[in-house]
Protein backbone atom coordinates (compact mmCIF):
# COMPACT_ATOMS: atom_id res chain seq x y z
CA MET A 1 -36.65 10.62 55.02
CA ALA A 2 -35.67 8.09 57.67
CA ALA A 3 -32.05 7.00 57.70
CA GLY A 4 -31.36 3.69 55.99
CA ILE A 5 -34.34 3.89 53.63
CA LYS A 6 -33.29 3.79 49.97
CA ASN A 7 -34.54 6.42 47.54
CA HIS A 8 -35.17 4.27 44.44
CA ASN A 9 -35.81 7.35 42.30
CA ARG A 10 -32.34 8.68 43.24
CA ASP A 11 -30.72 5.31 42.34
CA ARG A 12 -32.53 5.34 39.01
CA TYR A 13 -31.38 8.90 38.34
CA GLU A 14 -27.75 7.99 39.11
CA ARG A 15 -27.91 5.01 36.72
CA VAL A 16 -29.35 7.18 33.94
CA ARG A 17 -26.77 9.90 34.60
CA ARG A 18 -23.93 7.40 34.32
CA LEU A 19 -25.32 6.14 31.01
CA MET A 20 -25.64 9.67 29.63
CA TRP A 21 -22.07 10.74 30.33
CA ILE A 22 -18.77 8.89 30.22
CA LYS A 23 -15.27 9.91 31.16
CA CYS A 24 -12.67 9.62 28.38
CA GLU A 25 -9.74 7.56 29.62
CA ALA A 26 -7.36 9.49 27.37
CA CYS A 27 -8.16 13.15 27.99
CA GLY A 28 -10.10 12.76 31.24
CA ARG A 29 -13.04 14.89 30.06
CA LEU A 30 -16.72 14.04 30.34
CA VAL A 31 -18.32 13.18 26.99
CA TYR A 32 -22.03 12.94 26.23
CA TYR A 33 -22.52 9.24 25.48
CA LYS A 34 -24.76 9.83 22.46
CA ASP A 35 -22.04 11.97 20.84
CA TYR A 36 -19.47 9.29 21.66
CA LYS A 37 -21.63 6.57 20.09
CA ASN A 38 -22.48 8.61 16.99
CA ASN A 39 -18.75 9.24 16.55
CA HIS A 40 -18.10 5.48 16.30
CA TYR A 41 -16.78 5.32 19.87
CA VAL A 42 -14.11 7.91 19.25
CA CYS A 43 -13.77 10.68 21.82
CA PRO A 44 -15.04 13.85 20.07
CA ARG A 45 -12.74 15.96 22.25
CA CYS A 46 -9.34 14.29 21.88
CA GLY A 47 -9.87 11.84 18.99
CA ARG A 48 -8.89 8.71 20.94
CA ALA A 49 -10.50 5.63 19.33
CA PHE A 50 -11.66 3.10 21.92
CA ILE A 51 -12.33 -0.62 21.69
CA MET A 52 -15.46 -1.59 19.79
CA THR A 53 -17.40 -4.79 20.39
CA PRO A 54 -17.60 -7.32 17.54
CA LYS A 55 -21.21 -6.33 16.88
CA GLN A 56 -20.24 -2.66 16.63
CA ARG A 57 -17.44 -3.57 14.19
CA PHE A 58 -19.76 -5.64 12.02
CA ASP A 59 -22.35 -2.84 11.99
CA LEU A 60 -19.64 -0.36 10.99
CA LEU A 61 -18.12 -2.41 8.15
CA PHE A 62 -20.92 -4.42 6.55
CA ASP A 63 -23.39 -2.87 4.12
CA ASN A 64 -26.73 -1.81 5.62
CA ILE A 65 -25.82 -3.28 9.05
CA ASN A 66 -26.76 -6.65 7.56
CA TRP A 67 -24.65 -9.67 8.52
CA GLN A 68 -24.90 -13.27 9.68
CA LYS A 69 -22.77 -14.64 12.48
CA PHE A 70 -20.64 -17.72 11.73
CA GLU A 71 -20.77 -20.40 14.39
CA LEU A 72 -17.25 -21.05 15.69
CA PRO A 73 -15.93 -24.31 17.16
CA ILE A 74 -16.06 -24.78 20.95
CA THR A 75 -12.74 -25.61 22.61
CA SER A 76 -12.29 -27.15 26.05
CA ASP A 77 -11.31 -24.75 28.83
CA ASP A 78 -8.22 -24.60 31.04
CA PRO A 79 -6.02 -27.37 29.55
CA LEU A 80 -3.22 -26.65 32.08
CA ASN A 81 -5.50 -26.26 35.14
CA PHE A 82 -3.90 -22.83 35.61
CA THR A 83 -4.40 -20.72 38.74
CA ASP A 84 -2.87 -17.38 39.76
CA ARG A 85 -4.81 -15.06 42.06
CA MET A 86 -7.89 -16.82 40.74
CA SER A 87 -8.41 -19.85 38.53
CA TYR A 88 -8.36 -19.56 34.75
CA LYS A 89 -11.88 -21.05 34.64
CA GLU A 90 -13.15 -18.26 36.85
CA ARG A 91 -11.51 -15.66 34.61
CA LEU A 92 -13.11 -17.21 31.54
CA ASN A 93 -16.55 -17.28 33.16
CA GLU A 94 -16.17 -13.65 34.22
CA ALA A 95 -15.16 -12.58 30.70
CA ARG A 96 -18.07 -14.52 29.18
CA GLU A 97 -20.54 -12.87 31.51
CA ASP A 98 -19.14 -9.40 30.75
CA THR A 99 -19.02 -9.77 26.95
CA GLY A 100 -21.72 -12.34 26.11
CA THR A 101 -19.25 -14.20 23.87
CA ASN A 102 -17.52 -17.56 24.34
CA ASP A 103 -14.01 -16.23 23.67
CA ALA A 104 -12.09 -13.38 22.01
CA ILE A 105 -13.06 -14.12 18.37
CA SER A 106 -16.31 -13.39 16.54
CA THR A 107 -16.84 -13.91 12.79
CA ALA A 108 -19.62 -12.92 10.42
CA ASP A 109 -20.50 -12.99 6.71
CA GLY A 110 -22.04 -10.10 4.84
CA GLN A 111 -21.32 -7.69 2.02
CA VAL A 112 -18.88 -4.81 1.74
CA ALA A 113 -19.57 -2.61 -1.32
CA GLY A 114 -21.82 -5.43 -2.53
CA ILE A 115 -18.95 -7.96 -2.33
CA ASN A 116 -19.51 -11.11 -0.23
CA THR A 117 -16.97 -10.85 2.57
CA THR A 118 -16.02 -12.65 5.79
CA ILE A 119 -14.92 -10.45 8.70
CA CYS A 120 -13.23 -11.81 11.83
CA VAL A 121 -13.01 -9.53 14.88
CA MET A 122 -10.88 -9.84 18.01
CA ASN A 123 -12.74 -8.61 21.08
CA GLY A 124 -10.40 -6.52 23.19
CA ASP A 125 -12.86 -6.67 26.10
CA PHE A 126 -12.46 -10.45 26.41
CA MET A 127 -9.29 -10.90 28.47
CA MET A 128 -7.62 -8.13 26.41
CA GLY A 129 -8.30 -10.06 23.21
CA SER A 130 -5.56 -12.52 24.15
CA MET A 131 -5.02 -15.53 21.91
CA GLY A 132 -5.40 -19.03 23.27
CA ARG A 133 -6.57 -22.32 21.77
CA ALA A 134 -10.15 -21.16 21.37
CA ALA A 135 -9.06 -18.02 19.50
CA GLY A 136 -6.65 -20.01 17.34
CA ASP A 137 -9.30 -22.59 16.47
CA ALA A 138 -11.77 -19.80 15.68
CA ILE A 139 -9.35 -17.97 13.36
CA VAL A 140 -8.42 -21.19 11.52
CA ALA A 141 -12.11 -22.15 11.14
CA SER A 142 -13.00 -18.63 9.95
CA ILE A 143 -10.26 -18.66 7.30
CA GLU A 144 -11.24 -22.12 6.06
CA HIS A 145 -14.84 -20.90 5.89
CA ALA A 146 -13.79 -17.88 3.79
CA ILE A 147 -11.77 -20.14 1.47
CA GLU A 148 -14.75 -22.44 1.02
CA LEU A 149 -17.00 -19.49 0.11
CA LYS A 150 -14.18 -17.77 -1.85
CA ASN A 151 -14.87 -14.65 0.21
CA PRO A 152 -12.27 -11.93 0.84
CA PHE A 153 -11.15 -12.25 4.46
CA VAL A 154 -10.88 -9.21 6.73
CA MET A 155 -9.14 -9.59 10.08
CA VAL A 156 -9.75 -6.88 12.71
CA THR A 157 -7.07 -7.21 15.38
CA CYS A 158 -7.23 -6.04 18.99
CA SER A 159 -5.09 -7.99 21.42
CA GLY A 160 -2.52 -7.85 24.18
CA GLY A 161 -0.87 -10.97 22.72
CA ALA A 162 -0.72 -14.66 23.58
CA ARG A 163 -2.74 -15.88 26.58
CA MET A 164 -0.40 -16.64 29.50
CA GLN A 165 -2.82 -19.06 31.16
CA GLU A 166 -2.31 -21.51 28.27
CA ASN A 167 1.48 -21.07 28.02
CA ILE A 168 3.00 -23.10 25.14
CA LEU A 169 -0.43 -24.03 23.77
CA SER A 170 -1.07 -20.33 23.25
CA LEU A 171 2.33 -19.82 21.64
CA MET A 172 1.57 -22.54 19.09
CA GLN A 173 -1.40 -20.53 17.82
CA MET A 174 1.10 -18.22 16.12
CA ALA A 175 2.14 -21.09 13.86
CA ARG A 176 -1.38 -22.55 13.47
CA THR A 177 -2.92 -19.26 12.37
CA THR A 178 -0.01 -18.66 9.99
CA VAL A 179 -0.69 -22.02 8.32
CA ALA A 180 -4.27 -20.85 7.74
CA VAL A 181 -3.11 -17.49 6.33
CA ASN A 182 -0.78 -19.31 3.94
CA LYS A 183 -3.81 -21.22 2.65
CA LEU A 184 -5.55 -17.90 1.99
CA HIS A 185 -2.58 -16.69 -0.04
CA ASP A 186 -2.29 -20.01 -1.91
CA ASN A 187 -5.96 -19.71 -2.90
CA LYS A 188 -5.39 -16.11 -4.03
CA ILE A 189 -8.08 -14.78 -1.70
CA PRO A 190 -7.73 -11.16 -0.55
CA TYR A 191 -6.55 -10.91 3.05
CA ILE A 192 -6.99 -7.47 4.57
CA VAL A 193 -5.81 -6.75 8.12
CA ILE A 194 -7.29 -3.84 10.08
CA LEU A 195 -4.98 -3.03 13.00
CA THR A 196 -6.72 -1.41 15.96
CA ASP A 197 -5.64 -0.35 19.44
CA PRO A 198 -3.98 -2.33 20.93
CA THR A 199 -2.34 -5.07 18.81
CA PHE A 200 0.70 -6.62 20.48
CA GLY A 201 2.75 -9.73 21.12
CA GLY A 202 2.04 -13.05 19.45
CA VAL A 203 -0.84 -11.60 17.45
CA SER A 204 1.22 -8.81 15.88
CA ALA A 205 4.03 -11.32 15.25
CA SER A 206 1.85 -13.77 13.32
CA PHE A 207 -1.37 -13.38 11.31
CA ALA A 208 -1.72 -9.65 12.00
CA MET A 209 1.34 -8.77 9.92
CA LEU A 210 0.79 -11.15 7.00
CA GLY A 211 -1.98 -9.37 5.10
CA ASP A 212 -2.01 -8.38 1.47
CA ILE A 213 -2.89 -4.90 2.69
CA HIS A 214 -2.52 -3.48 6.21
CA ILE A 215 -4.93 -0.74 7.31
CA ALA A 216 -4.31 0.86 10.70
CA GLU A 217 -6.79 2.96 12.62
CA LYS A 218 -5.49 6.41 13.44
CA GLY A 219 -3.83 6.37 16.85
CA ALA A 220 -3.69 2.59 17.18
CA ARG A 221 -0.71 1.19 19.08
CA VAL A 222 0.86 -1.82 17.40
CA GLY A 223 4.06 -3.67 18.29
CA PHE A 224 5.72 -6.79 19.59
CA ALA A 225 6.82 -5.84 23.10
CA GLY A 226 5.05 -3.11 25.05
CA ARG A 227 6.55 0.35 25.41
CA ARG A 228 7.17 0.00 29.15
CA VAL A 229 8.92 -3.35 28.71
CA ILE A 230 11.22 -1.93 26.03
CA GLU A 231 12.10 1.18 28.06
CA GLN A 232 12.93 -0.96 31.08
CA ASN A 233 15.03 -3.26 28.95
CA ILE A 234 17.11 -0.64 27.10
CA HIS A 235 16.98 2.06 29.80
CA GLU A 236 16.06 4.74 27.27
CA LYS A 237 13.07 7.01 26.74
CA LEU A 238 11.27 6.14 23.50
CA PRO A 239 9.74 8.72 21.09
CA SER A 240 6.27 9.96 22.00
CA ASN A 241 4.76 8.46 18.83
CA PHE A 242 6.52 5.10 19.27
CA GLN A 243 4.43 2.11 18.06
CA THR A 244 1.56 4.32 16.91
CA ALA A 245 -0.11 3.82 13.53
CA ASP A 246 1.72 6.84 12.10
CA TYR A 247 5.04 5.49 13.41
CA LEU A 248 4.39 2.15 11.70
CA TYR A 249 3.49 3.94 8.47
CA GLU A 250 6.76 5.87 8.51
CA HIS A 251 8.64 2.61 9.11
CA GLY A 252 7.00 0.75 6.23
CA MET A 253 4.79 -1.67 8.18
CA VAL A 254 1.32 -0.48 7.19
CA ASP A 255 -0.18 0.64 3.89
CA ILE A 256 -2.85 3.03 5.11
CA VAL A 257 -3.61 4.98 8.30
CA VAL A 258 -7.22 6.09 8.44
CA ASP A 259 -9.72 7.58 10.88
CA ARG A 260 -12.42 5.17 12.00
CA ASP A 261 -15.21 7.05 10.21
CA ARG A 262 -13.43 6.50 6.86
CA LEU A 263 -12.56 2.87 7.49
CA LYS A 264 -15.49 1.39 5.60
CA SER A 265 -15.00 3.56 2.51
CA VAL A 266 -11.29 2.65 2.32
CA LEU A 267 -12.08 -1.05 2.72
CA GLU A 268 -14.70 -0.79 -0.03
CA LYS A 269 -12.22 0.72 -2.49
CA VAL A 270 -9.57 -1.89 -1.73
CA LEU A 271 -11.93 -4.85 -2.10
CA THR A 272 -13.51 -3.43 -5.25
CA VAL A 273 -10.15 -3.36 -7.05
CA LEU A 274 -8.75 -6.64 -5.68
CA THR A 275 -11.92 -8.52 -6.69
CA LYS A 276 -11.91 -6.76 -10.08
CA GLN A 277 -15.43 -5.39 -10.02
CA PRO A 278 -16.42 -3.90 -13.42
CA ARG A 279 -16.02 -0.15 -13.78
CA GLU A 280 -16.45 2.35 -16.59
CA ALA A 281 -13.36 4.24 -17.69
CA LYS A 282 -12.90 7.50 -15.83
CA VAL A 283 -13.55 10.61 -17.89
CA ILE A 284 -10.24 12.47 -17.99
CA ASP A 285 -10.76 16.11 -17.11
CA VAL A 286 -7.62 17.91 -15.99
CA LYS A 287 -6.36 21.44 -16.28
CA THR A 288 -2.80 22.36 -17.05
CA PRO A 289 -1.47 24.31 -14.07
CA LYS A 290 -0.56 27.92 -14.68
CA PHE A 291 3.13 28.53 -14.35
CA GLU A 292 5.72 31.17 -14.91
CA PRO A 293 7.90 30.31 -17.92
CA GLN A 294 11.35 29.15 -16.94
CA LYS A 295 14.28 31.37 -17.60
CA LYS A 296 15.70 30.47 -20.96
CA SER A 297 18.57 28.05 -20.50
CA ARG A 298 21.86 29.12 -21.98
CA ASP A 299 22.13 25.60 -23.36
CA LEU A 300 18.76 25.64 -25.14
CA GLY A 301 19.23 25.23 -28.87
CA LYS A 302 22.76 23.82 -28.65
CA THR A 303 21.66 20.40 -29.87
CA PRO A 304 18.18 18.92 -30.48
CA GLU A 305 19.04 16.07 -28.13
CA TYR A 306 19.86 18.33 -25.20
CA ASP A 307 16.69 20.31 -25.89
CA ARG A 308 14.86 17.01 -25.25
CA VAL A 309 16.73 16.65 -21.97
CA LEU A 310 15.47 20.08 -20.89
CA LEU A 311 11.91 19.20 -21.93
CA ALA A 312 12.04 15.89 -20.04
CA ARG A 313 13.09 17.78 -16.91
CA ASN A 314 10.63 20.65 -17.28
CA GLU A 315 9.34 21.35 -13.77
CA ASN A 316 5.76 21.72 -15.02
CA ARG A 317 5.69 18.37 -16.77
CA PRO A 318 3.08 16.01 -15.22
CA HIS A 319 4.53 13.56 -12.73
CA PHE A 320 3.37 10.19 -11.41
CA LEU A 321 0.77 11.44 -8.93
CA ASP A 322 -0.57 13.87 -11.55
CA TYR A 323 -1.19 10.98 -13.96
CA VAL A 324 -2.85 9.00 -11.17
CA ALA A 325 -5.15 11.89 -10.26
CA GLY A 326 -6.09 12.46 -13.89
CA ILE A 327 -6.49 8.89 -15.15
CA VAL A 328 -7.04 6.51 -12.23
CA ASP A 329 -10.38 5.95 -10.50
CA ASP A 330 -10.80 4.52 -6.96
CA TRP A 331 -7.10 5.08 -6.28
CA THR A 332 -5.70 3.72 -3.00
CA TYR A 333 -2.09 4.63 -2.19
CA LEU A 334 -0.21 1.70 -0.61
CA ALA A 335 2.83 2.45 1.50
CA GLY A 336 5.88 0.75 2.91
CA ASP A 337 8.29 -2.10 2.19
CA ARG A 338 7.13 -4.06 5.31
CA ASN A 339 10.72 -4.01 6.45
CA PHE A 340 12.17 -0.58 7.19
CA ALA A 341 10.42 2.50 5.81
CA GLU A 342 7.95 4.16 3.52
CA ASP A 343 9.78 5.80 0.61
CA ALA A 344 7.83 8.66 -0.94
CA ALA A 345 10.16 8.71 -3.97
CA MET A 346 8.61 5.41 -5.14
CA CYS A 347 4.85 5.64 -5.14
CA GLY A 348 2.38 2.84 -5.76
CA GLY A 349 -1.13 1.61 -5.21
CA ILE A 350 -4.24 0.08 -6.74
CA GLY A 351 -7.06 1.57 -8.77
CA TYR A 352 -8.85 1.55 -12.12
CA TRP A 353 -6.64 2.65 -15.00
CA TYR A 354 -9.10 3.77 -17.66
CA GLY A 355 -11.59 1.21 -16.32
CA ILE A 356 -9.02 -1.59 -15.82
CA PRO A 357 -8.31 -2.69 -12.20
CA SER A 358 -4.53 -2.43 -11.90
CA VAL A 359 -1.47 -2.10 -9.68
CA ILE A 360 0.34 1.13 -10.56
CA ILE A 361 3.87 2.12 -9.49
CA GLY A 362 6.25 4.94 -10.36
CA GLN A 363 8.69 7.55 -9.16
CA GLU A 364 7.32 10.90 -8.00
CA LYS A 365 9.56 13.97 -8.21
CA GLY A 366 7.41 16.52 -6.43
CA ARG A 367 6.67 20.04 -7.62
CA THR A 368 7.13 22.51 -4.78
CA ILE A 369 10.27 22.82 -2.66
CA GLU A 370 8.56 20.89 0.15
CA THR A 371 7.23 18.07 -2.02
CA ARG A 372 10.51 17.73 -3.92
CA GLN A 373 12.30 17.21 -0.65
CA GLN A 374 9.59 14.83 0.55
CA HIS A 375 9.85 12.72 -2.63
CA ARG A 376 13.64 13.12 -2.83
CA PHE A 377 13.34 14.44 -6.39
CA GLY A 378 12.13 11.01 -7.53
CA MET A 379 15.28 9.13 -6.49
CA PRO A 380 14.27 6.08 -4.40
CA ASN A 381 16.12 4.47 -1.53
CA PRO A 382 16.29 0.65 -1.28
CA GLU A 383 12.96 0.71 0.56
CA GLY A 384 11.29 2.22 -2.50
CA TYR A 385 12.45 -0.59 -4.75
CA ARG A 386 11.46 -3.20 -2.17
CA LYS A 387 8.03 -1.60 -2.01
CA ALA A 388 7.84 -1.90 -5.81
CA GLN A 389 8.65 -5.61 -5.51
CA ARG A 390 5.89 -6.05 -2.94
CA LEU A 391 3.37 -4.43 -5.24
CA MET A 392 4.56 -6.55 -8.17
CA LYS A 393 3.79 -9.63 -6.07
CA LEU A 394 0.37 -8.18 -5.21
CA ALA A 395 -0.34 -7.73 -8.93
CA GLU A 396 0.69 -11.31 -9.63
CA LYS A 397 -1.40 -12.79 -6.80
CA PHE A 398 -4.63 -11.19 -8.03
CA ASN A 399 -3.73 -11.23 -11.74
CA LEU A 400 -3.98 -7.45 -11.89
CA PRO A 401 -2.09 -5.71 -14.72
CA LEU A 402 1.07 -3.97 -13.56
CA ILE A 403 1.63 -0.43 -14.84
CA SER A 404 4.79 1.54 -14.15
CA LEU A 405 5.38 5.19 -14.99
CA PHE A 406 9.06 5.75 -14.50
CA ASP A 407 10.62 9.18 -14.19
CA THR A 408 13.85 9.42 -12.24
CA ALA A 409 17.39 10.71 -12.49
CA GLY A 410 18.39 7.41 -10.87
CA ALA A 411 18.43 5.51 -7.61
CA PHE A 412 19.41 7.70 -4.66
CA ALA A 413 23.17 7.82 -4.12
CA GLY A 414 23.78 8.05 -0.39
CA GLY A 415 25.70 6.36 2.37
CA ALA A 416 22.62 5.07 4.18
CA ALA A 417 21.21 3.72 0.90
CA GLU A 418 24.41 1.75 0.34
CA GLU A 419 24.30 0.42 3.90
CA ARG A 420 20.77 -0.89 3.32
CA GLY A 421 21.64 -2.55 0.00
CA GLN A 422 20.81 -0.19 -2.86
CA SER A 423 22.39 -2.42 -5.51
CA GLN A 424 20.63 -5.52 -4.21
CA ALA A 425 17.31 -3.69 -4.10
CA VAL A 426 17.59 -2.50 -7.71
CA ALA A 427 18.82 -5.90 -8.93
CA SER A 428 16.04 -7.86 -7.23
CA THR A 429 13.42 -5.43 -8.56
CA ILE A 430 14.66 -6.00 -12.11
CA ALA A 431 14.54 -9.77 -11.47
CA MET A 432 11.02 -9.56 -10.05
CA GLY A 433 9.77 -7.47 -12.96
CA LEU A 434 11.13 -9.95 -15.50
CA LYS A 435 9.37 -12.93 -13.94
CA VAL A 436 6.13 -11.45 -12.55
CA LYS A 437 3.19 -13.43 -13.95
CA THR A 438 0.84 -10.68 -15.00
CA PRO A 439 0.60 -8.23 -17.93
CA TYR A 440 3.21 -5.52 -17.39
CA VAL A 441 3.32 -2.16 -19.20
CA ALA A 442 6.12 0.33 -18.50
CA VAL A 443 6.06 3.94 -19.66
CA ASN A 444 8.95 6.39 -19.54
CA VAL A 445 7.15 9.66 -18.89
CA GLY A 446 10.20 11.87 -18.30
CA GLU A 447 13.71 10.94 -17.25
CA GLY A 448 14.85 7.35 -17.56
CA GLY A 449 17.97 7.50 -15.46
CA SER A 450 20.22 4.45 -15.24
CA GLY A 451 19.42 1.39 -13.09
CA GLY A 452 16.98 3.43 -11.06
CA ALA A 453 14.72 3.57 -14.11
CA ILE A 454 15.15 0.09 -15.59
CA ALA A 455 14.31 -1.39 -12.18
CA ILE A 456 10.64 -0.71 -12.98
CA GLY A 457 11.05 -0.64 -16.76
CA THR A 458 11.13 -4.33 -17.72
CA GLY A 459 7.58 -4.55 -19.08
CA ASP A 460 6.02 -6.72 -21.77
CA ARG A 461 5.42 -3.43 -23.54
CA ILE A 462 7.75 -0.48 -23.04
CA MET A 463 6.60 2.95 -24.13
CA MET A 464 8.15 6.37 -24.06
CA LEU A 465 6.73 9.85 -24.30
CA GLU A 466 8.04 11.78 -27.27
CA ASN A 467 10.15 14.18 -25.22
CA ALA A 468 11.33 11.70 -22.59
CA ILE A 469 14.95 10.55 -22.37
CA TYR A 470 16.59 7.24 -21.43
CA SER A 471 20.26 6.98 -20.52
CA VAL A 472 22.84 5.10 -18.49
CA ILE A 473 24.09 8.43 -17.13
CA ALA A 474 23.04 12.08 -17.15
CA PRO A 475 24.72 13.99 -20.01
CA GLU A 476 26.22 16.44 -17.51
CA SER A 477 27.95 13.61 -15.63
CA CYS A 478 29.01 12.00 -18.88
CA ALA A 479 30.63 15.27 -20.02
CA SER A 480 32.41 15.70 -16.70
CA ILE A 481 33.86 12.18 -16.86
CA LEU A 482 34.71 11.81 -20.56
CA TRP A 483 35.14 15.41 -21.75
CA LYS A 484 36.56 16.43 -18.38
CA ASP A 485 34.27 19.46 -18.55
CA ASN A 486 30.57 19.84 -17.79
CA LYS A 487 30.13 22.48 -20.51
CA PHE A 488 30.11 19.70 -23.14
CA LYS A 489 26.81 18.28 -21.82
CA ALA A 490 24.94 19.07 -25.04
CA GLU A 491 27.52 17.21 -27.09
CA ALA A 492 27.31 14.33 -24.60
CA ALA A 493 23.54 14.20 -25.01
CA THR A 494 23.95 13.85 -28.77
CA ALA A 495 26.60 11.17 -28.43
CA LEU A 496 24.58 9.16 -25.91
CA LYS A 497 21.60 8.92 -28.28
CA LEU A 498 19.08 9.15 -25.45
CA THR A 499 15.87 10.37 -27.14
CA ALA A 500 12.68 8.39 -27.75
CA ARG A 501 13.49 8.16 -31.47
CA ASP A 502 16.92 6.80 -30.61
CA MET A 503 15.37 4.19 -28.31
CA ALA A 504 12.89 3.11 -30.99
CA SER A 505 15.67 2.79 -33.58
CA LEU A 506 17.67 0.66 -31.16
CA ASN A 507 14.61 -1.54 -30.44
CA VAL A 508 14.81 -0.71 -26.74
CA ILE A 509 11.17 0.46 -26.64
CA ASP A 510 8.00 -0.67 -28.40
CA LYS A 511 6.10 2.60 -28.83
CA ILE A 512 6.57 6.37 -28.83
CA ILE A 513 3.62 8.27 -27.39
CA SER A 514 3.21 11.65 -29.05
CA GLU A 515 3.11 14.81 -26.96
CA PRO A 516 1.09 17.98 -27.58
CA ALA A 517 2.79 20.84 -29.37
CA GLY A 518 5.48 22.34 -27.15
CA GLY A 519 5.60 19.32 -24.82
CA ALA A 520 3.54 17.54 -22.18
CA HIS A 521 3.87 20.46 -19.78
CA GLN A 522 1.81 22.62 -22.16
CA ASP A 523 -1.30 20.40 -22.26
CA TRP A 524 -1.93 17.87 -19.50
CA GLN A 525 -5.36 16.89 -20.80
CA THR A 526 -4.14 15.69 -24.20
CA THR A 527 -1.04 14.06 -22.72
CA MET A 528 -3.06 12.03 -20.24
CA GLU A 529 -5.62 10.98 -22.84
CA LEU A 530 -2.83 9.68 -25.08
CA VAL A 531 -1.03 7.87 -22.23
CA ALA A 532 -4.24 6.39 -20.80
CA LYS A 533 -5.36 4.96 -24.14
CA ALA A 534 -1.92 3.64 -25.14
CA VAL A 535 -1.52 1.77 -21.85
CA ALA A 536 -5.11 0.45 -21.85
CA ASP A 537 -4.77 -0.83 -25.43
CA ALA A 538 -1.52 -2.62 -24.53
CA ILE A 539 -3.08 -4.24 -21.45
CA ASN A 540 -6.09 -5.45 -23.42
CA GLU A 541 -3.73 -7.02 -25.94
CA LEU A 542 -1.52 -8.63 -23.28
CA GLN A 543 -4.47 -10.08 -21.36
CA GLU A 544 -5.16 -12.34 -24.33
CA ILE A 545 -1.76 -14.03 -23.92
CA PRO A 546 -1.38 -16.99 -21.48
CA LEU A 547 0.65 -16.00 -18.44
CA GLU A 548 3.39 -18.57 -18.98
CA ASP A 549 3.82 -17.36 -22.55
CA LEU A 550 3.85 -13.78 -21.35
CA VAL A 551 6.78 -14.32 -18.98
CA ARG A 552 8.67 -16.39 -21.53
CA GLU A 553 8.23 -13.75 -24.25
CA ARG A 554 9.25 -10.99 -21.87
CA ALA A 555 12.50 -12.77 -21.05
CA LYS A 556 13.10 -13.48 -24.75
CA LYS A 557 12.50 -9.82 -25.56
CA PHE A 558 15.25 -8.65 -23.20
CA ILE A 559 17.68 -11.44 -24.07
CA SER A 560 17.51 -10.52 -27.76
CA MET A 561 17.59 -6.76 -27.10
CA THR A 562 20.85 -5.12 -28.37
CA ARG A 563 22.04 -8.31 -30.13
CA ASP A 564 21.22 -7.03 -33.59
CA VAL A 565 22.50 -3.51 -33.06
CA GLU A 566 25.54 -2.98 -35.29
CA ILE A 567 25.10 0.42 -36.86
CA PHE A 568 22.89 3.15 -35.47
CA GLN A 569 20.52 4.44 -38.14
CA PRO A 570 18.55 7.44 -36.84
CA GLY A 571 15.15 8.04 -38.34
CA HIS A 572 14.48 4.45 -39.44
CA ILE A 573 11.62 3.74 -37.06
CA PRO A 574 8.88 1.23 -37.99
CA GLU A 575 5.46 2.85 -38.33
CA GLU A 576 3.96 0.70 -35.55
CA LYS A 577 6.33 2.25 -33.01
CA LEU A 578 4.81 5.68 -33.48
CA ILE A 579 1.57 6.75 -31.84
């Protein structure tokens, strides 16, 4: 072939070859494009999730790839007549040609799990998804559109931050978009934020961190300042997982971290509960775990009251997450206090309790050595109680019943907990529980230890399993302080009057829930059936009461509690307090 003559077949082959294979920017390996696309644009070799276009996001999240684009307002370009190496207008034109969109925001309406939903997507390929006036106007218009339709609003973030070429006008979008988000909250419309890679700067510091629920894609990097900027500023090497989705989860900023292929299913569950879609009660079908009988305690049989203490602490007794697994359908665990950390000792989330969409919270003790350490034996730090407050507010916003299953020896006693305000956290949780405007049922399913228990025990209806205990202090500690000897713990248990029958006689609780013969640890199926029905019946009753009356009666209940107690009369329990 003569020099200088193009081989068009060779050019065509090269174009096809480049379309068939791509190089992963993370691991550097070649990936067959069809595999990459079928894997939702996640590298099948290293798992790195790459930027998706708005159309790809809509196709991923909406039912049956069926959606209608919402026309966004057009904003004038280049208000500051900005020029760096090239003019801002040229950059905009280049981005528009590359992406086929006017700016970094695209919005569409469709259905998610059959629920009419509005989804707004930031396009990371349009000037790194940066936020200027056009993006701000688009977000505000999209939110107002969702409010008008009463649609749940889903925000998919992907941005390097505020757009420098618009300077202060870009910065003001942080406040403008926050005004719009406040309107969403005021109208009690679900606001779900999906954080993708990357989400930084003015976006992360405004509407991206104000959702009812934060879902982060696995591996996403989210933060205010970039890693390199921080390292240069503090002259220190940051952890390898710094600002990743998992890092944010550990530090209480996101509720859920999920792989991209499970994103739609998680979003469906969340929206189904928050919009209170009807659901049949879950059929309870659990098996009692096999276990080796505990060594007989030397203190067993000393007093009936201390025998109850041992039953309440039985290591094979069902705990919070066991009740959730057995009773709750469409459960979504929600994490973090949005301030400092996720506390595994205080668990919570949303789901259907016996067919009733609810917010459910409680302490989890763990069962194995590893899980007990992970859950800190059910003793929360301040972050756990602040997470409980956040979930109480979530219940109130969407008028979802609040259910708490408390089971704790008490709030965690530690130096770091005191530094972060343990007393304040417990106190404000009690205050929140007493004023939350939604039906609230609290059940003592094991140990009710001190302020750590009452923090999530101020319900409209308070119930107690037959072998549970409730006390200002553990009998062992009481004996050590007052008897000056721990060996008098059984006598202390009797003197404290800490059993369910004692609580009913003192009018501290409303109901005693019976346990199977031998205790809850012997028969999980029956225990969960009894608890599920007792709570559901109470919620159905409370939902008939106006919310203002509910809060007023709750406060009245606790104000009057203990006033009429003059002489303790064991055994005189009204019939309606027994189940």
